[in-house]
Amino acid sequence: MIDYSPFWETLKNSPETTYTLITKHHISSAIINKLRKNKPMNTTTLNDLCRILNCRIEDVVQYIPSDTDQIL
């Protein structure tokens, strides 16, 4: 399972807020909602978040093995 909990900690420690991400950096509220609900998003958005927050991908997302992952 892809988990965005590192994003919230990174955001908390940055000067940015969800409000500034939406208004200043034009991140949609739908993306914020996807982050809240651990929903899929594209790598371009992840790249934008890393650039805005000046962080690494590990500061935004982590993989947690789950029994509900699809069978390959």
C-alpha atoms as a PDB file:
ATOM      1  CA  MET A   1       0.000   0.000   0.000  1.00  0.00           C
ATOM      2  CA  ILE A   2       1.237   3.469  -0.817  1.00  0.00           C
ATOM      3  CA  ASP A   3       1.045   5.694   2.261  1.00  0.00           C
ATOM      4  CA  TYR A   4       1.341   9.472   2.278  1.00  0.00           C
ATOM      5  CA  SER A   5       1.748   9.945   6.040  1.00  0.00           C
ATOM      6  CA  PRO A   6       5.347  11.199   5.556  1.00  0.00           C
ATOM      7  CA  PHE A   7       3.887  14.054   3.485  1.00  0.00           C
ATOM      8  CA  TRP A   8       1.882  15.359   6.446  1.00  0.00           C
ATOM      9  CA  GLU A   9       4.926  15.383   8.722  1.00  0.00           C
ATOM     10  CA  THR A  10       7.008  17.104   6.035  1.00  0.00           C
ATOM     11  CA  LEU A  11       4.264  19.667   5.464  1.00  0.00           C
ATOM     12  CA  LYS A  12       3.988  20.309   9.204  1.00  0.00           C
ATOM     13  CA  ASN A  13       7.725  21.071   9.352  1.00  0.00           C
ATOM     14  CA  SER A  14       7.674  23.371   6.329  1.00  0.00           C
ATOM     15  CA  PRO A  15       6.494  26.959   5.902  1.00  0.00           C
ATOM     16  CA  GLU A  16       3.792  25.694   3.518  1.00  0.00           C
ATOM     17  CA  THR A  17       0.228  24.723   4.398  1.00  0.00           C
ATOM     18  CA  THR A  18      -2.518  23.022   2.449  1.00  0.00           C
ATOM     19  CA  TYR A  19      -3.874  26.526   1.840  1.00  0.00           C
ATOM     20  CA  THR A  20      -0.609  27.749   0.274  1.00  0.00           C
ATOM     21  CA  LEU A  21      -0.261  24.558  -1.746  1.00  0.00           C
ATOM     22  CA  ILE A  22      -3.671  25.242  -3.258  1.00  0.00           C
ATOM     23  CA  THR A  23      -3.528  29.024  -3.651  1.00  0.00           C
ATOM     24  CA  LYS A  24       0.161  29.748  -4.254  1.00  0.00           C
ATOM     25  CA  HIS A  25       1.353  26.545  -5.914  1.00  0.00           C
ATOM     26  CA  HIS A  26      -1.874  25.540  -7.684  1.00  0.00           C
ATOM     27  CA  ILE A  27      -2.056  22.047  -6.216  1.00  0.00           C
ATOM     28  CA  SER A  28      -5.699  21.073  -6.539  1.00  0.00           C
ATOM     29  CA  SER A  29      -7.882  20.327  -3.549  1.00  0.00           C
ATOM     30  CA  ALA A  30      -8.521  16.944  -5.198  1.00  0.00           C
ATOM     31  CA  ILE A  31      -4.796  16.152  -4.831  1.00  0.00           C
ATOM     32  CA  ILE A  32      -4.897  17.153  -1.150  1.00  0.00           C
ATOM     33  CA  ASN A  33      -7.866  14.819  -0.767  1.00  0.00           C
ATOM     34  CA  LYS A  34      -5.942  11.995  -2.468  1.00  0.00           C
ATOM     35  CA  LEU A  35      -3.083  12.547  -0.030  1.00  0.00           C
ATOM     36  CA  ARG A  36      -5.494  12.378   2.903  1.00  0.00           C
ATOM     37  CA  LYS A  37      -7.042   9.125   1.664  1.00  0.00           C
ATOM     38  CA  ASN A  38      -3.866   7.443   0.313  1.00  0.00           C
ATOM     39  CA  LYS A  39      -5.322   7.358  -3.197  1.00  0.00           C
ATOM     40  CA  PRO A  40      -3.179   6.925  -6.339  1.00  0.00           C
ATOM     41  CA  MET A  41      -1.636   9.956  -8.001  1.00  0.00           C
ATOM     42  CA  ASN A  42       0.831  10.465 -10.805  1.00  0.00           C
ATOM     43  CA  THR A  43       4.561  10.911 -10.458  1.00  0.00           C
ATOM     44  CA  THR A  44       4.427  14.425 -11.898  1.00  0.00           C
ATOM     45  CA  THR A  45       2.385  15.501  -8.869  1.00  0.00           C
ATOM     46  CA  LEU A  46       4.821  13.785  -6.518  1.00  0.00           C
ATOM     47  CA  ASN A  47       7.650  15.586  -8.290  1.00  0.00           C
ATOM     48  CA  ASP A  48       5.849  18.922  -7.837  1.00  0.00           C
ATOM     49  CA  LEU A  49       5.332  18.280  -4.123  1.00  0.00           C
ATOM     50  CA  CYS A  50       9.010  17.412  -3.643  1.00  0.00           C
ATOM     51  CA  ARG A  51      10.028  20.555  -5.506  1.00  0.00           C
ATOM     52  CA  ILE A  52       7.660  22.792  -3.538  1.00  0.00           C
ATOM     53  CA  LEU A  53       8.611  21.295  -0.177  1.00  0.00           C
ATOM     54  CA  ASN A  54      12.287  20.980  -1.122  1.00  0.00           C
ATOM     55  CA  CYS A  55      12.361  17.365  -0.001  1.00  0.00           C
ATOM     56  CA  ARG A  56      13.007  13.823  -1.168  1.00  0.00           C
ATOM     57  CA  ILE A  57      10.359  11.361  -2.320  1.00  0.00           C
ATOM     58  CA  GLU A  58      10.724   9.449   0.966  1.00  0.00           C
ATOM     59  CA  ASP A  59       9.552  12.601   2.723  1.00  0.00           C
ATOM     60  CA  VAL A  60       6.256  12.394   0.844  1.00  0.00           C
ATOM     61  CA  VAL A  61       5.452   8.718   0.300  1.00  0.00           C
ATOM     62  CA  GLN A  62       6.268   5.287   1.651  1.00  0.00           C
ATOM     63  CA  TYR A  63       5.379   1.739   0.706  1.00  0.00           C
ATOM     64  CA  ILE A  64       3.838  -0.480   3.371  1.00  0.00           C
ATOM     65  CA  PRO A  65       3.223  -4.118   2.424  1.00  0.00           C
ATOM     66  CA  SER A  66      -0.431  -5.021   2.820  1.00  0.00           C
ATOM     67  CA  ASP A  67      -2.595  -8.116   2.566  1.00  0.00           C
ATOM     68  CA  THR A  68      -4.978  -6.068   0.403  1.00  0.00           C
ATOM     69  CA  ASP A  69      -2.373  -5.405  -2.299  1.00  0.00           C
ATOM     70  CA  GLN A  70      -3.416  -6.858  -5.640  1.00  0.00           C
ATOM     71  CA  ILE A  71      -2.018 -10.292  -6.445  1.00  0.00           C
ATOM     72  CA  LEU A  72       0.637 -10.229  -9.140  1.00  0.00           C
END
